[in-house]
Amino acid sequence: METLYGMTAVAVGIILGMGALGTAIGFGILGGKFLEGAARQPETVPMLQVKMFIVAGLLDAVTMIGVGLALWFTTANPFVAALKAAAGH
């Protein structure tokens, strides 16, 4: 049972870490491409800015889904019930 809790903690850490890393890389690429586009065609900045914020919201949404899953595994681990059923408790 303790092994399951330990593995869950490791999995939650990996989920959160990879989500943060992916979002950071995504925001870096997004910001760089926005600045390149704004430097090449300054008249398109308002249009590019709107699209940038939409994509930024989607990047954050994916990370928040990962946070939600991590919290679900931390607080209401579905594998504990399966382990107890298999052990006959």
N, C-alpha and C. Protein backbone atom coordinates (compact mmCIF):
# COMPACT_ATOMS: atom_id res chain seq x y z
N MET A 1 0.82 -1.19 0.00
CA MET A 1 0.00 0.00 0.00
C MET A 1 0.87 1.26 0.00
N GLU A 2 1.92 1.24 0.83
CA GLU A 2 2.81 2.40 0.88
C GLU A 2 3.53 2.62 -0.44
N THR A 3 3.83 1.50 -1.12
CA THR A 3 4.48 1.61 -2.42
C THR A 3 3.57 2.33 -3.42
N LEU A 4 2.27 2.04 -3.36
CA LEU A 4 1.32 2.69 -4.25
C LEU A 4 1.28 4.19 -3.98
N TYR A 5 1.27 4.58 -2.71
CA TYR A 5 1.27 6.01 -2.39
C TYR A 5 2.56 6.68 -2.84
N GLY A 6 3.68 6.00 -2.68
CA GLY A 6 4.96 6.55 -3.12
C GLY A 6 5.02 6.70 -4.63
N MET A 7 4.57 5.69 -5.34
CA MET A 7 4.57 5.77 -6.81
C MET A 7 3.60 6.85 -7.30
N THR A 8 2.48 7.01 -6.59
CA THR A 8 1.54 8.06 -6.95
C THR A 8 2.17 9.43 -6.76
N ALA A 9 2.91 9.61 -5.68
CA ALA A 9 3.58 10.89 -5.45
C ALA A 9 4.61 11.18 -6.54
N VAL A 10 5.33 10.16 -6.95
CA VAL A 10 6.31 10.34 -8.03
C VAL A 10 5.60 10.68 -9.34
N ALA A 11 4.49 9.98 -9.63
CA ALA A 11 3.74 10.24 -10.86
C ALA A 11 3.17 11.65 -10.87
N VAL A 12 2.66 12.10 -9.73
CA VAL A 12 2.13 13.47 -9.63
C VAL A 12 3.23 14.48 -9.87
N GLY A 13 4.39 14.23 -9.31
CA GLY A 13 5.53 15.13 -9.54
C GLY A 13 5.92 15.19 -11.00
N ILE A 14 5.91 14.04 -11.66
CA ILE A 14 6.24 14.01 -13.08
C ILE A 14 5.18 14.74 -13.91
N ILE A 15 3.90 14.52 -13.59
CA ILE A 15 2.83 15.20 -14.31
C ILE A 15 2.97 16.71 -14.19
N LEU A 16 3.18 17.19 -12.97
CA LEU A 16 3.29 18.64 -12.77
C LEU A 16 4.56 19.20 -13.41
N GLY A 17 5.66 18.48 -13.27
CA GLY A 17 6.92 18.96 -13.83
C GLY A 17 6.90 19.01 -15.35
N MET A 18 6.39 17.97 -15.98
CA MET A 18 6.32 17.96 -17.44
C MET A 18 5.33 18.99 -17.96
N GLY A 19 4.23 19.19 -17.23
CA GLY A 19 3.27 20.21 -17.62
C GLY A 19 3.88 21.61 -17.56
N ALA A 20 4.62 21.87 -16.50
CA ALA A 20 5.28 23.18 -16.37
C ALA A 20 6.36 23.36 -17.43
N LEU A 21 7.12 22.32 -17.68
CA LEU A 21 8.17 22.40 -18.69
C LEU A 21 7.60 22.61 -20.09
N GLY A 22 6.56 21.87 -20.41
CA GLY A 22 5.93 22.03 -21.73
C GLY A 22 5.33 23.40 -21.92
N THR A 23 4.69 23.92 -20.89
CA THR A 23 4.11 25.25 -20.98
C THR A 23 5.19 26.31 -21.11
N ALA A 24 6.27 26.17 -20.38
CA ALA A 24 7.36 27.14 -20.47
C ALA A 24 7.98 27.15 -21.86
N ILE A 25 8.19 25.98 -22.41
CA ILE A 25 8.74 25.90 -23.77
C ILE A 25 7.75 26.49 -24.77
N GLY A 26 6.48 26.16 -24.60
CA GLY A 26 5.46 26.69 -25.50
C GLY A 26 5.36 28.21 -25.46
N PHE A 27 5.40 28.77 -24.26
CA PHE A 27 5.34 30.22 -24.13
C PHE A 27 6.58 30.88 -24.71
N GLY A 28 7.72 30.24 -24.55
CA GLY A 28 8.94 30.80 -25.14
C GLY A 28 8.88 30.84 -26.65
N ILE A 29 8.44 29.75 -27.25
CA ILE A 29 8.31 29.71 -28.71
C ILE A 29 7.25 30.70 -29.17
N LEU A 30 6.12 30.74 -28.47
CA LEU A 30 5.02 31.64 -28.83
C LEU A 30 5.46 33.10 -28.77
N GLY A 31 6.12 33.47 -27.70
CA GLY A 31 6.58 34.86 -27.57
C GLY A 31 7.61 35.22 -28.61
N GLY A 32 8.52 34.30 -28.90
CA GLY A 32 9.53 34.56 -29.91
C GLY A 32 8.92 34.75 -31.30
N LYS A 33 7.99 33.89 -31.64
CA LYS A 33 7.35 34.00 -32.95
C LYS A 33 6.50 35.27 -33.04
N PHE A 34 5.86 35.66 -31.92
CA PHE A 34 5.08 36.90 -31.92
C PHE A 34 5.99 38.10 -32.17
N LEU A 35 7.13 38.12 -31.50
CA LEU A 35 8.06 39.24 -31.69
C LEU A 35 8.63 39.27 -33.10
N GLU A 36 8.91 38.09 -33.67
CA GLU A 36 9.38 38.05 -35.06
C GLU A 36 8.33 38.60 -36.02
N GLY A 37 7.09 38.17 -35.83
CA GLY A 37 6.02 38.65 -36.70
C GLY A 37 5.76 40.13 -36.53
N ALA A 38 5.84 40.62 -35.30
CA ALA A 38 5.63 42.05 -35.05
C ALA A 38 6.76 42.89 -35.63
N ALA A 39 7.97 42.36 -35.62
CA ALA A 39 9.09 43.10 -36.19
C ALA A 39 9.02 43.14 -37.71
N ARG A 40 8.53 42.07 -38.32
CA ARG A 40 8.46 42.04 -39.78
C ARG A 40 7.31 42.87 -40.33
N GLN A 41 6.15 42.80 -39.65
CA GLN A 41 4.98 43.54 -40.12
C GLN A 41 4.29 44.19 -38.92
N PRO A 42 4.72 45.38 -38.54
CA PRO A 42 4.17 46.03 -37.34
C PRO A 42 2.67 46.32 -37.44
N GLU A 43 2.14 46.43 -38.65
CA GLU A 43 0.71 46.73 -38.79
C GLU A 43 -0.18 45.55 -38.40
N THR A 44 0.38 44.35 -38.31
CA THR A 44 -0.42 43.17 -37.95
C THR A 44 -0.36 42.85 -36.46
N VAL A 45 0.25 43.73 -35.66
CA VAL A 45 0.41 43.46 -34.23
C VAL A 45 -0.92 43.21 -33.53
N PRO A 46 -1.98 44.03 -33.74
CA PRO A 46 -3.23 43.73 -33.02
C PRO A 46 -3.81 42.35 -33.35
N MET A 47 -3.77 41.95 -34.61
CA MET A 47 -4.27 40.63 -35.00
C MET A 47 -3.41 39.52 -34.39
N LEU A 48 -2.10 39.69 -34.46
CA LEU A 48 -1.20 38.68 -33.90
C LEU A 48 -1.34 38.59 -32.39
N GLN A 49 -1.59 39.72 -31.75
CA GLN A 49 -1.71 39.73 -30.30
C GLN A 49 -2.95 38.96 -29.85
N VAL A 50 -4.04 39.12 -30.55
CA VAL A 50 -5.26 38.38 -30.21
C VAL A 50 -5.03 36.88 -30.36
N LYS A 51 -4.41 36.50 -31.46
CA LYS A 51 -4.14 35.08 -31.68
C LYS A 51 -3.15 34.53 -30.66
N MET A 52 -2.19 35.36 -30.26
CA MET A 52 -1.22 34.94 -29.26
C MET A 52 -1.91 34.66 -27.93
N PHE A 53 -2.84 35.52 -27.53
CA PHE A 53 -3.53 35.31 -26.26
C PHE A 53 -4.45 34.09 -26.31
N ILE A 54 -5.04 33.81 -27.45
CA ILE A 54 -5.86 32.60 -27.58
C ILE A 54 -4.99 31.36 -27.40
N VAL A 55 -3.85 31.33 -28.06
CA VAL A 55 -2.94 30.18 -27.94
C VAL A 55 -2.38 30.09 -26.53
N ALA A 56 -2.10 31.23 -25.90
CA ALA A 56 -1.61 31.21 -24.52
C ALA A 56 -2.66 30.62 -23.58
N GLY A 57 -3.93 30.95 -23.81
CA GLY A 57 -4.99 30.36 -23.00
C GLY A 57 -5.09 28.86 -23.19
N LEU A 58 -4.90 28.40 -24.42
CA LEU A 58 -4.92 26.96 -24.67
C LEU A 58 -3.73 26.26 -24.01
N LEU A 59 -2.57 26.91 -24.03
CA LEU A 59 -1.40 26.33 -23.35
C LEU A 59 -1.66 26.19 -21.86
N ASP A 60 -2.25 27.22 -21.25
CA ASP A 60 -2.56 27.15 -19.83
C ASP A 60 -3.63 26.12 -19.54
N ALA A 61 -4.58 25.96 -20.45
CA ALA A 61 -5.65 24.99 -20.23
C ALA A 61 -5.10 23.57 -20.16
N VAL A 62 -4.18 23.26 -21.02
CA VAL A 62 -3.58 21.91 -21.01
C VAL A 62 -2.86 21.67 -19.69
N THR A 63 -2.15 22.67 -19.20
CA THR A 63 -1.45 22.54 -17.93
C THR A 63 -2.42 22.39 -16.77
N MET A 64 -3.51 23.14 -16.80
CA MET A 64 -4.50 23.04 -15.72
C MET A 64 -5.20 21.68 -15.70
N ILE A 65 -5.37 21.08 -16.87
CA ILE A 65 -5.92 19.72 -16.91
C ILE A 65 -4.95 18.76 -16.22
N GLY A 66 -3.66 18.94 -16.47
CA GLY A 66 -2.65 18.12 -15.79
C GLY A 66 -2.64 18.33 -14.29
N VAL A 67 -2.81 19.57 -13.86
CA VAL A 67 -2.88 19.86 -12.42
C VAL A 67 -4.11 19.19 -11.82
N GLY A 68 -5.24 19.27 -12.53
CA GLY A 68 -6.45 18.62 -12.03
C GLY A 68 -6.29 17.12 -11.89
N LEU A 69 -5.68 16.50 -12.89
CA LEU A 69 -5.43 15.06 -12.80
C LEU A 69 -4.49 14.73 -11.65
N ALA A 70 -3.46 15.54 -11.48
CA ALA A 70 -2.50 15.30 -10.40
C ALA A 70 -3.18 15.42 -9.03
N LEU A 71 -4.04 16.42 -8.87
CA LEU A 71 -4.76 16.56 -7.60
C LEU A 71 -5.73 15.41 -7.39
N TRP A 72 -6.36 14.94 -8.47
CA TRP A 72 -7.27 13.81 -8.35
C TRP A 72 -6.52 12.56 -7.88
N PHE A 73 -5.37 12.30 -8.48
CA PHE A 73 -4.59 11.14 -8.06
C PHE A 73 -4.07 11.30 -6.64
N THR A 74 -3.80 12.52 -6.22
CA THR A 74 -3.30 12.74 -4.87
C THR A 74 -4.38 12.54 -3.82
N THR A 75 -5.58 13.05 -4.08
CA THR A 75 -6.62 13.03 -3.05
C THR A 75 -7.54 11.82 -3.13
N ALA A 76 -7.91 11.39 -4.32
CA ALA A 76 -8.86 10.29 -4.49
C ALA A 76 -8.28 9.28 -5.46
N ASN A 77 -7.23 8.63 -5.05
CA ASN A 77 -6.52 7.71 -5.93
C ASN A 77 -7.40 6.51 -6.29
N PRO A 78 -7.73 6.34 -7.57
CA PRO A 78 -8.61 5.22 -7.95
C PRO A 78 -7.91 3.86 -7.84
N PHE A 79 -6.60 3.86 -7.76
CA PHE A 79 -5.87 2.61 -7.71
C PHE A 79 -5.88 1.99 -6.32
N VAL A 80 -6.16 2.78 -5.29
CA VAL A 80 -6.19 2.26 -3.92
C VAL A 80 -7.34 1.27 -3.77
N ALA A 81 -8.52 1.62 -4.30
CA ALA A 81 -9.68 0.73 -4.20
C ALA A 81 -9.39 -0.59 -4.94
N ALA A 82 -8.76 -0.49 -6.10
CA ALA A 82 -8.44 -1.71 -6.85
C ALA A 82 -7.43 -2.57 -6.09
N LEU A 83 -6.47 -1.93 -5.45
CA LEU A 83 -5.48 -2.69 -4.68
C LEU A 83 -6.12 -3.36 -3.48
N LYS A 84 -7.03 -2.65 -2.79
CA LYS A 84 -7.72 -3.24 -1.64
C LYS A 84 -8.61 -4.39 -2.09
N ALA A 85 -9.28 -4.26 -3.22
CA ALA A 85 -10.13 -5.33 -3.71
C ALA A 85 -9.30 -6.56 -4.08
N ALA A 86 -8.14 -6.32 -4.68
CA ALA A 86 -7.27 -7.44 -5.06
C ALA A 86 -6.69 -8.13 -3.83
N ALA A 87 -6.45 -7.36 -2.76
CA ALA A 87 -5.88 -7.93 -1.56
C ALA A 87 -6.94 -8.57 -0.67
N GLY A 88 -8.24 -8.31 -0.97
CA GLY A 88 -9.29 -8.92 -0.20
C GLY A 88 -9.68 -8.16 1.05
N HIS A 89 -9.36 -6.88 1.12
CA HIS A 89 -9.73 -6.06 2.29
C HIS A 89 -11.10 -5.50 2.14
